[in-house]
PDB file of N, CA and C in Angstrom:
ATOM      1  N   MET A   1       0.185 121.967  55.270  1.00  0.00           N
ATOM      2  CA  MET A   1       0.305 121.538  53.895  1.00  0.00           C
ATOM      3  C   MET A   1       0.638 122.709  52.964  1.00  0.00           C
ATOM      4  N   GLN A   2       0.024 123.880  53.196  1.00  0.00           N
ATOM      5  CA  GLN A   2       0.298 125.048  52.364  1.00  0.00           C
ATOM      6  C   GLN A   2       1.740 125.507  52.537  1.00  0.00           C
ATOM      7  N   LYS A   3       2.284 125.323  53.732  1.00  0.00           N
ATOM      8  CA  LYS A   3       3.662 125.723  54.000  1.00  0.00           C
ATOM      9  C   LYS A   3       4.631 124.917  53.124  1.00  0.00           C
ATOM     10  N   VAL A   4       4.380 123.629  52.986  1.00  0.00           N
ATOM     11  CA  VAL A   4       5.209 122.767  52.144  1.00  0.00           C
ATOM     12  C   VAL A   4       5.122 123.213  50.685  1.00  0.00           C
ATOM     13  N   HIS A   5       3.916 123.531  50.241  1.00  0.00           N
ATOM     14  CA  HIS A   5       3.717 123.994  48.863  1.00  0.00           C
ATOM     15  C   HIS A   5       4.458 125.312  48.624  1.00  0.00           C
ATOM     16  N   LEU A   6       4.374 126.224  49.591  1.00  0.00           N
ATOM     17  CA  LEU A   6       5.076 127.505  49.474  1.00  0.00           C
ATOM     18  C   LEU A   6       6.581 127.294  49.421  1.00  0.00           C
ATOM     19  N   LEU A   7       7.099 126.380  50.226  1.00  0.00           N
ATOM     20  CA  LEU A   7       8.536 126.086  50.211  1.00  0.00           C
ATOM     21  C   LEU A   7       8.974 125.543  48.852  1.00  0.00           C
ATOM     22  N   LYS A   8       8.172 124.687  48.248  1.00  0.00           N
ATOM     23  CA  LYS A   8       8.494 124.154  46.923  1.00  0.00           C
ATOM     24  C   LYS A   8       8.520 125.264  45.878  1.00  0.00           C
ATOM     25  N   ILE A   9       7.561 126.172  45.964  1.00  0.00           N
ATOM     26  CA  ILE A   9       7.525 127.299  45.026  1.00  0.00           C
ATOM     27  C   ILE A   9       8.768 128.158  45.192  1.00  0.00           C
ATOM     28  N   LEU A  10       9.149 128.459  46.445  1.00  0.00           N
ATOM     29  CA  LEU A  10      10.353 129.258  46.690  1.00  0.00           C
ATOM     30  C   LEU A  10      11.603 128.548  46.181  1.00  0.00           C
ATOM     31  N   GLN A  11      11.674 127.234  46.353  1.00  0.00           N
ATOM     32  CA  GLN A  11      12.825 126.483  45.856  1.00  0.00           C
ATOM     33  C   GLN A  11      12.887 126.536  44.332  1.00  0.00           C
ATOM     34  N   GLN A  12      11.742 126.414  43.680  1.00  0.00           N
ATOM     35  CA  GLN A  12      11.705 126.491  42.218  1.00  0.00           C
ATOM     36  C   GLN A  12      12.105 127.878  41.744  1.00  0.00           C
ATOM     37  N   GLU A  13      11.609 128.920  42.422  1.00  0.00           N
ATOM     38  CA  GLU A  13      11.967 130.283  42.053  1.00  0.00           C
ATOM     39  C   GLU A  13      13.453 130.529  42.273  1.00  0.00           C
ATOM     40  N   SER A  14      13.997 130.002  43.383  1.00  0.00           N
ATOM     41  CA  SER A  14      15.427 130.161  43.661  1.00  0.00           C
ATOM     42  C   SER A  14      16.264 129.461  42.597  1.00  0.00           C
ATOM     43  N   LEU A  15      15.841 128.275  42.198  1.00  0.00           N
ATOM     44  CA  LEU A  15      16.560 127.547  41.157  1.00  0.00           C
ATOM     45  C   LEU A  15      16.518 128.315  39.836  1.00  0.00           C
ATOM     46  N   LYS A  16      15.360 128.873  39.519  1.00  0.00           N
ATOM     47  CA  LYS A  16      15.217 129.670  38.297  1.00  0.00           C
ATOM     48  C   LYS A  16      16.135 130.899  38.347  1.00  0.00           C
ATOM     49  N   LEU A  17      16.176 131.568  39.497  1.00  0.00           N
ATOM     50  CA  LEU A  17      17.042 132.732  39.655  1.00  0.00           C
ATOM     51  C   LEU A  17      18.511 132.326  39.557  1.00  0.00           C
ATOM     52  N   TYR A  18      18.887 131.224  40.193  1.00  0.00           N
ATOM     53  CA  TYR A  18      20.265 130.733  40.137  1.00  0.00           C
ATOM     54  C   TYR A  18      20.669 130.437  38.689  1.00  0.00           C
ATOM     55  N   GLU A  19      19.782 129.787  37.950  1.00  0.00           N
ATOM     56  CA  GLU A  19      20.064 129.498  36.539  1.00  0.00           C
ATOM     57  C   GLU A  19      20.189 130.795  35.739  1.00  0.00           C
ATOM     58  N   GLY A  20      19.348 131.772  36.056  1.00  0.00           N
ATOM     59  CA  GLY A  20      19.436 133.075  35.398  1.00  0.00           C
ATOM     60  C   GLY A  20      20.762 133.761  35.674  1.00  0.00           C
ATOM     61  N   MET A  21      21.265 133.631  36.897  1.00  0.00           N
ATOM     62  CA  MET A  21      22.558 134.209  37.255  1.00  0.00           C
ATOM     63  C   MET A  21      23.678 133.530  36.470  1.00  0.00           C
ATOM     64  N   LYS A  22      23.625 132.206  36.400  1.00  0.00           N
ATOM     65  CA  LYS A  22      24.649 131.479  35.637  1.00  0.00           C
ATOM     66  C   LYS A  22      24.605 131.880  34.162  1.00  0.00           C
ATOM     67  N   GLN A  23      23.401 132.044  33.627  1.00  0.00           N
ATOM     68  CA  GLN A  23      23.247 132.445  32.232  1.00  0.00           C
ATOM     69  C   GLN A  23      23.786 133.857  32.020  1.00  0.00           C
ATOM     70  N   ALA A  24      23.553 134.742  32.982  1.00  0.00           N
ATOM     71  CA  ALA A  24      24.067 136.113  32.883  1.00  0.00           C
ATOM     72  C   ALA A  24      25.585 136.109  32.833  1.00  0.00           C
ATOM     73  N   ILE A  25      26.216 135.241  33.615  1.00  0.00           N
ATOM     74  CA  ILE A  25      27.673 135.154  33.612  1.00  0.00           C
ATOM     75  C   ILE A  25      28.161 134.764  32.221  1.00  0.00           C
ATOM     76  N   GLU A  26      27.449 133.865  31.575  1.00  0.00           N
ATOM     77  CA  GLU A  26      27.855 133.410  30.245  1.00  0.00           C
ATOM     78  C   GLU A  26      27.533 134.430  29.147  1.00  0.00           C
ATOM     79  N   ASP A  27      26.385 135.095  29.248  1.00  0.00           N
ATOM     80  CA  ASP A  27      25.880 135.913  28.140  1.00  0.00           C
ATOM     81  C   ASP A  27      26.164 137.406  28.220  1.00  0.00           C
ATOM     82  N   ARG A  28      26.296 137.956  29.430  1.00  0.00           N
ATOM     83  CA  ARG A  28      26.308 139.412  29.547  1.00  0.00           C
ATOM     84  C   ARG A  28      27.614 139.977  30.089  1.00  0.00           C
ATOM     85  N   GLN A  29      28.712 139.310  29.843  1.00  0.00           N
ATOM     86  CA  GLN A  29      29.996 139.821  30.308  1.00  0.00           C
ATOM     87  C   GLN A  29      30.560 140.827  29.319  1.00  0.00           C
ATOM     88  N   VAL A  30      31.003 141.952  29.841  1.00  0.00           N
ATOM     89  CA  VAL A  30      31.710 142.939  29.034  1.00  0.00           C
ATOM     90  C   VAL A  30      32.915 143.407  29.830  1.00  0.00           C
ATOM     91  N   VAL A  31      33.899 143.910  29.143  1.00  0.00           N
ATOM     92  CA  VAL A  31      35.074 144.478  29.792  1.00  0.00           C
ATOM     93  C   VAL A  31      34.926 145.988  29.760  1.00  0.00           C
ATOM     94  N   ASP A  32      35.253 146.632  30.878  1.00  0.00           N
ATOM     95  CA  ASP A  32      35.109 148.088  30.930  1.00  0.00           C
ATOM     96  C   ASP A  32      36.127 148.767  30.022  1.00  0.00           C
ATOM     97  N   SER A  33      35.989 150.069  29.835  1.00  0.00           N
ATOM     98  CA  SER A  33      36.843 150.803  28.894  1.00  0.00           C
ATOM     99  C   SER A  33      38.309 150.816  29.312  1.00  0.00           C
ATOM    100  N   SER A  34      38.595 150.632  30.599  1.00  0.00           N
ATOM    101  CA  SER A  34      39.990 150.603  31.049  1.00  0.00           C
ATOM    102  C   SER A  34      40.642 149.254  30.783  1.00  0.00           C
ATOM    103  N   GLY A  35      39.822 148.229  30.555  1.00  0.00           N
ATOM    104  CA  GLY A  35      40.350 146.889  30.350  1.00  0.00           C
ATOM    105  C   GLY A  35      40.740 146.189  31.640  1.00  0.00           C
ATOM    106  N   GLN A  36      40.384 146.769  32.792  1.00  0.00           N
ATOM    107  CA  GLN A  36      40.778 146.198  34.077  1.00  0.00           C
ATOM    108  C   GLN A  36      39.672 145.427  34.785  1.00  0.00           C
ATOM    109  N   PHE A  37      38.422 145.670  34.389  1.00  0.00           N
ATOM    110  CA  PHE A  37      37.307 145.060  35.101  1.00  0.00           C
ATOM    111  C   PHE A  37      36.346 144.385  34.143  1.00  0.00           C
ATOM    112  N   ARG A  38      35.782 143.307  34.596  1.00  0.00           N
ATOM    113  CA  ARG A  38      34.717 142.615  33.871  1.00  0.00           C
ATOM    114  C   ARG A  38      33.401 143.012  34.530  1.00  0.00           C
ATOM    115  N   ILE A  39      32.406 143.271  33.725  1.00  0.00           N
ATOM    116  CA  ILE A  39      31.097 143.676  34.223  1.00  0.00           C
ATOM    117  C   ILE A  39      30.055 142.691  33.706  1.00  0.00           C
ATOM    118  N   ILE A  40      29.198 142.254  34.595  1.00  0.00           N
ATOM    119  CA  ILE A  40      28.065 141.420  34.206  1.00  0.00           C
ATOM    120  C   ILE A  40      26.819 142.239  34.486  1.00  0.00           C
ATOM    121  N   ARG A  41      26.252 142.785  33.428  1.00  0.00           N
ATOM    122  CA  ARG A  41      25.081 143.646  33.573  1.00  0.00           C
ATOM    123  C   ARG A  41      23.843 142.808  33.883  1.00  0.00           C
ATOM    124  N   PHE A  42      23.027 143.348  34.760  1.00  0.00           N
ATOM    125  CA  PHE A  42      21.769 142.702  35.164  1.00  0.00           C
ATOM    126  C   PHE A  42      21.998 141.247  35.581  1.00  0.00           C
ATOM    127  N   PHE A  43      22.990 141.076  36.467  1.00  0.00           N
ATOM    128  CA  PHE A  43      23.270 139.758  37.032  1.00  0.00           C
ATOM    129  C   PHE A  43      22.058 139.253  37.810  1.00  0.00           C
ATOM    130  N   TYR A  44      21.396 140.159  38.487  1.00  0.00           N
ATOM    131  CA  TYR A  44      20.210 139.853  39.281  1.00  0.00           C
ATOM    132  C   TYR A  44      19.164 140.897  38.934  1.00  0.00           C
ATOM    133  N   ASN A  45      17.979 140.445  38.535  1.00  0.00           N
ATOM    134  CA  ASN A  45      16.904 141.340  38.126  1.00  0.00           C
ATOM    135  C   ASN A  45      15.708 141.209  39.055  1.00  0.00           C
ATOM    136  N   PRO A  46      14.980 142.305  39.251  1.00  0.00           N
ATOM    137  CA  PRO A  46      13.779 142.215  40.082  1.00  0.00           C
ATOM    138  C   PRO A  46      12.792 141.199  39.510  1.00  0.00           C
ATOM    139  N   ASP A  47      12.364 140.292  40.343  1.00  0.00           N
ATOM    140  CA  ASP A  47      11.367 139.280  39.972  1.00  0.00           C
ATOM    141  C   ASP A  47      11.692 138.566  38.668  1.00  0.00           C
ATOM    142  N   GLY A  48      12.980 138.369  38.407  1.00  0.00           N
ATOM    143  CA  GLY A  48      13.376 137.650  37.198  1.00  0.00           C
ATOM    144  C   GLY A  48      13.069 138.396  35.920  1.00  0.00           C
ATOM    145  N   ALA A  49      12.995 139.722  35.996  1.00  0.00           N
ATOM    146  CA  ALA A  49      12.673 140.520  34.815  1.00  0.00           C
ATOM    147  C   ALA A  49      13.751 140.354  33.753  1.00  0.00           C
ATOM    148  N   SER A  50      13.410 140.680  32.541  1.00  0.00           N
ATOM    149  CA  SER A  50      14.386 140.611  31.462  1.00  0.00           C
ATOM    150  C   SER A  50      15.472 141.647  31.699  1.00  0.00           C
ATOM    151  N   SER A  51      16.561 141.550  30.982  1.00  0.00           N
ATOM    152  CA  SER A  51      17.653 142.495  31.172  1.00  0.00           C
ATOM    153  C   SER A  51      17.310 143.873  30.633  1.00  0.00           C
ATOM    154  N   ASP A  52      16.194 144.017  29.951  1.00  0.00           N
ATOM    155  CA  ASP A  52      15.755 145.326  29.481  1.00  0.00           C
ATOM    156  C   ASP A  52      15.037 146.019  30.628  1.00  0.00           C
ATOM    157  N   ALA A  53      15.797 146.774  31.417  1.00  0.00           N
ATOM    158  CA  ALA A  53      15.244 147.398  32.615  1.00  0.00           C
ATOM    159  C   ALA A  53      14.146 148.394  32.283  1.00  0.00           C
ATOM    160  N   LYS A  54      14.162 148.965  31.109  1.00  0.00           N
ATOM    161  CA  LYS A  54      13.161 149.961  30.752  1.00  0.00           C
ATOM    162  C   LYS A  54      11.757 149.381  30.753  1.00  0.00           C
ATOM    163  N   SER A  55      11.637 148.070  30.578  1.00  0.00           N
ATOM    164  CA  SER A  55      10.312 147.456  30.544  1.00  0.00           C
ATOM    165  C   SER A  55       9.593 147.591  31.883  1.00  0.00           C
ATOM    166  N   LYS A  56      10.334 147.766  32.980  1.00  0.00           N
ATOM    167  CA  LYS A  56       9.726 147.873  34.301  1.00  0.00           C
ATOM    168  C   LYS A  56       9.595 149.316  34.781  1.00  0.00           C
ATOM    169  N   LEU A  57      10.233 150.259  34.090  1.00  0.00           N
ATOM    170  CA  LEU A  57      10.227 151.637  34.548  1.00  0.00           C
ATOM    171  C   LEU A  57       9.052 152.413  33.992  1.00  0.00           C
ATOM    172  N   VAL A  58       8.591 153.339  34.783  1.00  0.00           N
ATOM    173  CA  VAL A  58       7.556 154.272  34.364  1.00  0.00           C
ATOM    174  C   VAL A  58       8.270 155.583  34.058  1.00  0.00           C
ATOM    175  N   ASP A  59       7.690 156.394  33.186  1.00  0.00           N
ATOM    176  CA  ASP A  59       8.352 157.631  32.759  1.00  0.00           C
ATOM    177  C   ASP A  59       8.831 158.514  33.909  1.00  0.00           C
ATOM    178  N   ASN A  60       8.111 158.547  35.003  1.00  0.00           N
ATOM    179  CA  ASN A  60       8.509 159.433  36.091  1.00  0.00           C
ATOM    180  C   ASN A  60       9.251 158.712  37.217  1.00  0.00           C
ATOM    181  N   ASP A  61       9.690 157.482  37.004  1.00  0.00           N
ATOM    182  CA  ASP A  61      10.477 156.758  38.005  1.00  0.00           C
ATOM    183  C   ASP A  61      11.847 157.391  38.173  1.00  0.00           C
ATOM    184  N   VAL A  62      12.335 157.363  39.382  1.00  0.00           N
ATOM    185  CA  VAL A  62      13.705 157.762  39.687  1.00  0.00           C
ATOM    186  C   VAL A  62      14.388 156.527  40.245  1.00  0.00           C
ATOM    187  N   THR A  63      15.550 156.188  39.710  1.00  0.00           N
ATOM    188  CA  THR A  63      16.279 155.010  40.162  1.00  0.00           C
ATOM    189  C   THR A  63      17.372 155.425  41.135  1.00  0.00           C
ATOM    190  N   LEU A  64      17.423 154.751  42.266  1.00  0.00           N
ATOM    191  CA  LEU A  64      18.496 154.941  43.224  1.00  0.00           C
ATOM    192  C   LEU A  64      19.655 154.070  42.771  1.00  0.00           C
ATOM    193  N   ILE A  65      20.832 154.659  42.661  1.00  0.00           N
ATOM    194  CA  ILE A  65      22.009 153.936  42.179  1.00  0.00           C
ATOM    195  C   ILE A  65      23.044 153.902  43.293  1.00  0.00           C
ATOM    196  N   SER A  66      23.638 152.723  43.487  1.00  0.00           N
ATOM    197  CA  SER A  66      24.631 152.577  44.537  1.00  0.00           C
ATOM    198  C   SER A  66      25.691 151.575  44.106  1.00  0.00           C
ATOM    199  N   GLN A  67      26.719 151.470  44.925  1.00  0.00           N
ATOM    200  CA  GLN A  67      27.779 150.490  44.703  1.00  0.00           C
ATOM    201  C   GLN A  67      28.197 149.938  46.057  1.00  0.00           C
ATOM    202  N   CYS A  68      28.641 148.686  46.063  1.00  0.00           N
ATOM    203  CA  CYS A  68      29.104 148.100  47.315  1.00  0.00           C
ATOM    204  C   CYS A  68      29.880 146.828  47.022  1.00  0.00           C
ATOM    205  N   SER A  69      30.428 146.261  48.075  1.00  0.00           N
ATOM    206  CA  SER A  69      31.055 144.946  47.990  1.00  0.00           C
ATOM    207  C   SER A  69      30.123 143.957  48.682  1.00  0.00           C
ATOM    208  N   VAL A  70      30.456 142.682  48.599  1.00  0.00           N
ATOM    209  CA  VAL A  70      29.580 141.637  49.138  1.00  0.00           C
ATOM    210  C   VAL A  70      29.323 141.837  50.627  1.00  0.00           C
ATOM    211  N   ASN A  71      30.335 142.268  51.362  1.00  0.00           N
ATOM    212  CA  ASN A  71      30.145 142.421  52.810  1.00  0.00           C
ATOM    213  C   ASN A  71      29.183 143.556  53.171  1.00  0.00           C
ATOM    214  N   HIS A  72      28.811 144.405  52.213  1.00  0.00           N
ATOM    215  CA  HIS A  72      27.847 145.470  52.476  1.00  0.00           C
ATOM    216  C   HIS A  72      26.443 145.153  51.947  1.00  0.00           C
ATOM    217  N   LEU A  73      26.247 143.972  51.388  1.00  0.00           N
ATOM    218  CA  LEU A  73      24.930 143.597  50.883  1.00  0.00           C
ATOM    219  C   LEU A  73      23.826 143.638  51.958  1.00  0.00           C
ATOM    220  N   PRO A  74      24.119 143.340  53.222  1.00  0.00           N
ATOM    221  CA  PRO A  74      23.052 143.423  54.221  1.00  0.00           C
ATOM    222  C   PRO A  74      22.393 144.803  54.294  1.00  0.00           C
ATOM    223  N   TYR A  75      23.125 145.854  53.950  1.00  0.00           N
ATOM    224  CA  TYR A  75      22.550 147.202  53.975  1.00  0.00           C
ATOM    225  C   TYR A  75      21.463 147.383  52.913  1.00  0.00           C
ATOM    226  N   LEU A  76      21.452 146.517  51.931  1.00  0.00           N
ATOM    227  CA  LEU A  76      20.443 146.593  50.878  1.00  0.00           C
ATOM    228  C   LEU A  76      19.033 146.375  51.414  1.00  0.00           C
ATOM    229  N   VAL A  77      18.932 145.607  52.486  1.00  0.00           N
ATOM    230  CA  VAL A  77      17.621 145.322  53.070  1.00  0.00           C
ATOM    231  C   VAL A  77      16.977 146.623  53.547  1.00  0.00           C
ATOM    232  N   GLY A  78      17.679 147.370  54.381  1.00  0.00           N
ATOM    233  CA  GLY A  78      17.138 148.632  54.892  1.00  0.00           C
ATOM    234  C   GLY A  78      16.949 149.663  53.796  1.00  0.00           C
ATOM    235  N   LEU A  79      17.907 149.724  52.885  1.00  0.00           N
ATOM    236  CA  LEU A  79      17.817 150.682  51.782  1.00  0.00           C
ATOM    237  C   LEU A  79      16.580 150.415  50.929  1.00  0.00           C
ATOM    238  N   SER A  80      16.350 149.149  50.620  1.00  0.00           N
ATOM    239  CA  SER A  80      15.206 148.818  49.780  1.00  0.00           C
ATOM    240  C   SER A  80      13.880 148.954  50.524  1.00  0.00           C
ATOM    241  N   GLN A  81      13.916 148.905  51.850  1.00  0.00           N
ATOM    242  CA  GLN A  81      12.705 149.154  52.634  1.00  0.00           C
ATOM    243  C   GLN A  81      12.324 150.631  52.566  1.00  0.00           C
ATOM    244  N   ARG A  82      13.322 151.491  52.590  1.00  0.00           N
ATOM    245  CA  ARG A  82      13.068 152.927  52.625  1.00  0.00           C
ATOM    246  C   ARG A  82      12.790 153.516  51.245  1.00  0.00           C
ATOM    247  N   TRP A  83      13.375 152.918  50.206  1.00  0.00           N
ATOM    248  CA  TRP A  83      13.217 153.428  48.840  1.00  0.00           C
ATOM    249  C   TRP A  83      12.333 152.459  48.074  1.00  0.00           C
ATOM    250  N   SER A  84      11.138 152.884  47.708  1.00  0.00           N
ATOM    251  CA  SER A  84      10.188 151.968  47.074  1.00  0.00           C
ATOM    252  C   SER A  84      10.346 151.893  45.559  1.00  0.00           C
ATOM    253  N   GLY A  85      11.163 152.764  44.993  1.00  0.00           N
ATOM    254  CA  GLY A  85      11.376 152.741  43.549  1.00  0.00           C
ATOM    255  C   GLY A  85      12.473 151.769  43.168  1.00  0.00           C
ATOM    256  N   PRO A  86      12.838 151.761  41.884  1.00  0.00           N
ATOM    257  CA  PRO A  86      13.898 150.857  41.428  1.00  0.00           C
ATOM    258  C   PRO A  86      15.258 151.235  42.015  1.00  0.00           C
ATOM    259  N   ILE A  87      16.068 150.209  42.272  1.00  0.00           N
ATOM    260  CA  ILE A  87      17.422 150.376  42.806  1.00  0.00           C
ATOM    261  C   ILE A  87      18.365 149.597  41.902  1.00  0.00           C
ATOM    262  N   SER A  88      19.460 150.236  41.527  1.00  0.00           N
ATOM    263  CA  SER A  88      20.479 149.587  40.709  1.00  0.00           C
ATOM    264  C   SER A  88      21.788 149.604  41.495  1.00  0.00           C
ATOM    265  N   VAL A  89      22.367 148.414  41.725  1.00  0.00           N
ATOM    266  CA  VAL A  89      23.576 148.305  42.534  1.00  0.00           C
ATOM    267  C   VAL A  89      24.687 147.653  41.722  1.00  0.00           C
ATOM    268  N   SER A  90      25.832 148.321  41.689  1.00  0.00           N
ATOM    269  CA  SER A  90      27.044 147.710  41.140  1.00  0.00           C
ATOM    270  C   SER A  90      27.741 147.026  42.305  1.00  0.00           C
ATOM    271  N   LEU A  91      27.863 145.712  42.209  1.00  0.00           N
ATOM    272  CA  LEU A  91      28.430 144.907  43.286  1.00  0.00           C
ATOM    273  C   LEU A  91      29.842 144.494  42.907  1.00  0.00           C
ATOM    274  N   PHE A  92      30.828 145.012  43.651  1.00  0.00           N
ATOM    275  CA  PHE A  92      32.220 144.668  43.399  1.00  0.00           C
ATOM    276  C   PHE A  92      32.522 143.344  44.086  1.00  0.00           C
ATOM    277  N   VAL A  93      33.010 142.385  43.302  1.00  0.00           N
ATOM    278  CA  VAL A  93      33.237 141.037  43.810  1.00  0.00           C
ATOM    279  C   VAL A  93      34.625 140.574  43.379  1.00  0.00           C
ATOM    280  N   ALA A  94      35.380 140.004  44.311  1.00  0.00           N
ATOM    281  CA  ALA A  94      36.628 139.344  43.930  1.00  0.00           C
ATOM    282  C   ALA A  94      36.255 138.103  43.133  1.00  0.00           C
ATOM    283  N   ASP A  95      37.088 137.733  42.203  1.00  0.00           N
ATOM    284  CA  ASP A  95      36.813 136.612  41.302  1.00  0.00           C
ATOM    285  C   ASP A  95      36.411 135.344  42.054  1.00  0.00           C
ATOM    286  N   ASN A  96      37.036 135.102  43.190  1.00  0.00           N
ATOM    287  CA  ASN A  96      36.767 133.874  43.942  1.00  0.00           C
ATOM    288  C   ASN A  96      35.550 133.987  44.856  1.00  0.00           C
ATOM    289  N   ALA A  97      34.853 135.124  44.842  1.00  0.00           N
ATOM    290  CA  ALA A  97      33.704 135.319  45.728  1.00  0.00           C
ATOM    291  C   ALA A  97      32.376 135.370  44.977  1.00  0.00           C
ATOM    292  N   ILE A  98      32.376 135.044  43.698  1.00  0.00           N
ATOM    293  CA  ILE A  98      31.140 135.112  42.924  1.00  0.00           C
ATOM    294  C   ILE A  98      30.106 134.126  43.467  1.00  0.00           C
ATOM    295  N   SER A  99      30.530 132.920  43.818  1.00  0.00           N
ATOM    296  CA  SER A  99      29.549 131.937  44.313  1.00  0.00           C
ATOM    297  C   SER A  99      28.954 132.380  45.647  1.00  0.00           C
ATOM    298  N   SER A 100      29.754 132.993  46.526  1.00  0.00           N
ATOM    299  CA  SER A 100      29.183 133.469  47.796  1.00  0.00           C
ATOM    300  C   SER A 100      28.242 134.644  47.551  1.00  0.00           C
ATOM    301  N   ALA A 101      28.548 135.487  46.572  1.00  0.00           N
ATOM    302  CA  ALA A 101      27.630 136.582  46.216  1.00  0.00           C
ATOM    303  C   ALA A 101      26.311 136.009  45.702  1.00  0.00           C
ATOM    304  N   MET A 102      26.390 134.980  44.873  1.00  0.00           N
ATOM    305  CA  MET A 102      25.178 134.338  44.362  1.00  0.00           C
ATOM    306  C   MET A 102      24.348 133.762  45.503  1.00  0.00           C
ATOM    307  N   ASP A 103      24.998 133.080  46.431  1.00  0.00           N
ATOM    308  CA  ASP A 103      24.287 132.493  47.570  1.00  0.00           C
ATOM    309  C   ASP A 103      23.597 133.576  48.402  1.00  0.00           C
ATOM    310  N   TYR A 104      24.308 134.667  48.660  1.00  0.00           N
ATOM    311  CA  TYR A 104      23.730 135.730  49.468  1.00  0.00           C
ATOM    312  C   TYR A 104      22.548 136.379  48.752  1.00  0.00           C
ATOM    313  N   LEU A 105      22.689 136.611  47.454  1.00  0.00           N
ATOM    314  CA  LEU A 105      21.588 137.200  46.691  1.00  0.00           C
ATOM    315  C   LEU A 105      20.367 136.283  46.667  1.00  0.00           C
ATOM    316  N   LEU A 106      20.597 134.988  46.582  1.00  0.00           N
ATOM    317  CA  LEU A 106      19.476 134.044  46.640  1.00  0.00           C
ATOM    318  C   LEU A 106      18.759 134.122  47.984  1.00  0.00           C
ATOM    319  N   GLN A 107      19.520 134.278  49.068  1.00  0.00           N
ATOM    320  CA  GLN A 107      18.910 134.431  50.388  1.00  0.00           C
ATOM    321  C   GLN A 107      18.085 135.715  50.457  1.00  0.00           C
ATOM    322  N   LEU A 108      18.635 136.800  49.925  1.00  0.00           N
ATOM    323  CA  LEU A 108      17.876 138.057  49.892  1.00  0.00           C
ATOM    324  C   LEU A 108      16.592 137.882  49.101  1.00  0.00           C
ATOM    325  N   TYR A 109      16.686 137.200  47.972  1.00  0.00           N
ATOM    326  CA  TYR A 109      15.509 136.974  47.124  1.00  0.00           C
ATOM    327  C   TYR A 109      14.430 136.222  47.887  1.00  0.00           C
ATOM    328  N   ARG A 110      14.835 135.185  48.609  1.00  0.00           N
ATOM    329  CA  ARG A 110      13.859 134.367  49.340  1.00  0.00           C
ATOM    330  C   ARG A 110      13.253 135.096  50.529  1.00  0.00           C
ATOM    331  N   CYS A 111      14.059 135.921  51.194  1.00  0.00           N
ATOM    332  CA  CYS A 111      13.631 136.462  52.489  1.00  0.00           C
ATOM    333  C   CYS A 111      13.141 137.912  52.459  1.00  0.00           C
ATOM    334  N   VAL A 112      13.495 138.667  51.450  1.00  0.00           N
ATOM    335  CA  VAL A 112      13.209 140.105  51.470  1.00  0.00           C
ATOM    336  C   VAL A 112      12.443 140.499  50.210  1.00  0.00           C
ATOM    337  N   PRO A 113      11.121 140.586  50.294  1.00  0.00           N
ATOM    338  CA  PRO A 113      10.318 140.849  49.091  1.00  0.00           C
ATOM    339  C   PRO A 113      10.647 142.165  48.408  1.00  0.00           C
ATOM    340  N   TRP A 114      10.976 143.217  49.168  1.00  0.00           N
ATOM    341  CA  TRP A 114      11.247 144.501  48.526  1.00  0.00           C
ATOM    342  C   TRP A 114      12.560 144.465  47.751  1.00  0.00           C
ATOM    343  N   VAL A 115      13.502 143.613  48.118  1.00  0.00           N
ATOM    344  CA  VAL A 115      14.704 143.411  47.290  1.00  0.00           C
ATOM    345  C   VAL A 115      14.311 142.651  46.024  1.00  0.00           C
ATOM    346  N   ARG A 116      13.518 141.635  46.195  1.00  0.00           N
ATOM    347  CA  ARG A 116      13.073 140.810  45.070  1.00  0.00           C
ATOM    348  C   ARG A 116      12.357 141.653  44.011  1.00  0.00           C
ATOM    349  N   HIS A 117      11.601 142.649  44.445  1.00  0.00           N
ATOM    350  CA  HIS A 117      10.783 143.428  43.511  1.00  0.00           C
ATOM    351  C   HIS A 117      11.474 144.649  42.921  1.00  0.00           C
ATOM    352  N   ASN A 118      12.496 145.196  43.582  1.00  0.00           N
ATOM    353  CA  ASN A 118      12.999 146.512  43.178  1.00  0.00           C
ATOM    354  C   ASN A 118      14.485 146.614  42.839  1.00  0.00           C
ATOM    355  N   VAL A 119      15.280 145.606  43.152  1.00  0.00           N
ATOM    356  CA  VAL A 119      16.733 145.758  43.055  1.00  0.00           C
ATOM    357  C   VAL A 119      17.314 145.004  41.859  1.00  0.00           C
ATOM    358  N   SER A 120      18.137 145.705  41.088  1.00  0.00           N
ATOM    359  CA  SER A 120      18.944 145.075  40.033  1.00  0.00           C
ATOM    360  C   SER A 120      20.406 145.110  40.474  1.00  0.00           C
ATOM    361  N   ILE A 121      21.103 144.005  40.239  1.00  0.00           N
ATOM    362  CA  ILE A 121      22.519 143.902  40.619  1.00  0.00           C
ATOM    363  C   ILE A 121      23.362 143.747  39.358  1.00  0.00           C
ATOM    364  N   HIS A 122      24.453 144.491  39.308  1.00  0.00           N
ATOM    365  CA  HIS A 122      25.421 144.390  38.218  1.00  0.00           C
ATOM    366  C   HIS A 122      26.758 144.037  38.863  1.00  0.00           C
ATOM    367  N   LEU A 123      27.345 142.904  38.477  1.00  0.00           N
ATOM    368  CA  LEU A 123      28.627 142.477  39.047  1.00  0.00           C
ATOM    369  C   LEU A 123      29.786 143.177  38.378  1.00  0.00           C
ATOM    370  N   VAL A 124      30.765 143.535  39.179  1.00  0.00           N
ATOM    371  CA  VAL A 124      32.008 144.113  38.679  1.00  0.00           C
ATOM    372  C   VAL A 124      33.126 143.387  39.387  1.00  0.00           C
ATOM    373  N   PHE A 125      34.058 142.816  38.605  1.00  0.00           N
ATOM    374  CA  PHE A 125      35.197 142.172  39.248  1.00  0.00           C
ATOM    375  C   PHE A 125      36.454 142.375  38.429  1.00  0.00           C
ATOM    376  N   PRO A 126      37.611 142.426  39.128  1.00  0.00           N
ATOM    377  CA  PRO A 126      38.870 142.683  38.443  1.00  0.00           C
ATOM    378  C   PRO A 126      39.279 141.495  37.564  1.00  0.00           C
ATOM    379  N   LEU A 127      39.897 141.828  36.441  1.00  0.00           N
ATOM    380  CA  LEU A 127      40.402 140.767  35.571  1.00  0.00           C
ATOM    381  C   LEU A 127      41.690 140.170  36.122  1.00  0.00           C
ATOM    382  N   MET A 128      42.455 140.980  36.848  1.00  0.00           N
ATOM    383  CA  MET A 128      43.708 140.496  37.458  1.00  0.00           C
ATOM    384  C   MET A 128      43.688 140.814  38.928  1.00  0.00           C
ATOM    385  N   HIS A 129      44.326 139.939  39.720  1.00  0.00           N
ATOM    386  CA  HIS A 129      44.420 140.185  41.158  1.00  0.00           C
ATOM    387  C   HIS A 129      45.699 140.931  41.442  1.00  0.00           C
TER     388      HIS A 129
END
């Protein structure tokens, strides 16, 4: 019975995160200084934190910063296991791969607690193909 309850909680949290991602796409899009890329800051936040990342940081925290494409997201699992502090990742996504990136991030959220607690994702995608 507890397993069913836990599954419902995870589904609700996943839905909340998915809605947060959709809202980020609508609210936090900016174009980079070159005019070639669109950036969605704080597309994915640790534990659904607000986009103000400073609220979760302590004065002596060091943030690990990285960049990757969707096909390298699996490496985030090991990286986040080894680095217990905050991680900020710029995720390069082709325009037509945003939904698959969202799906993969939702899976990471459900299955990998250290990603859920420590990783922020910022989407970067080209304006033109």
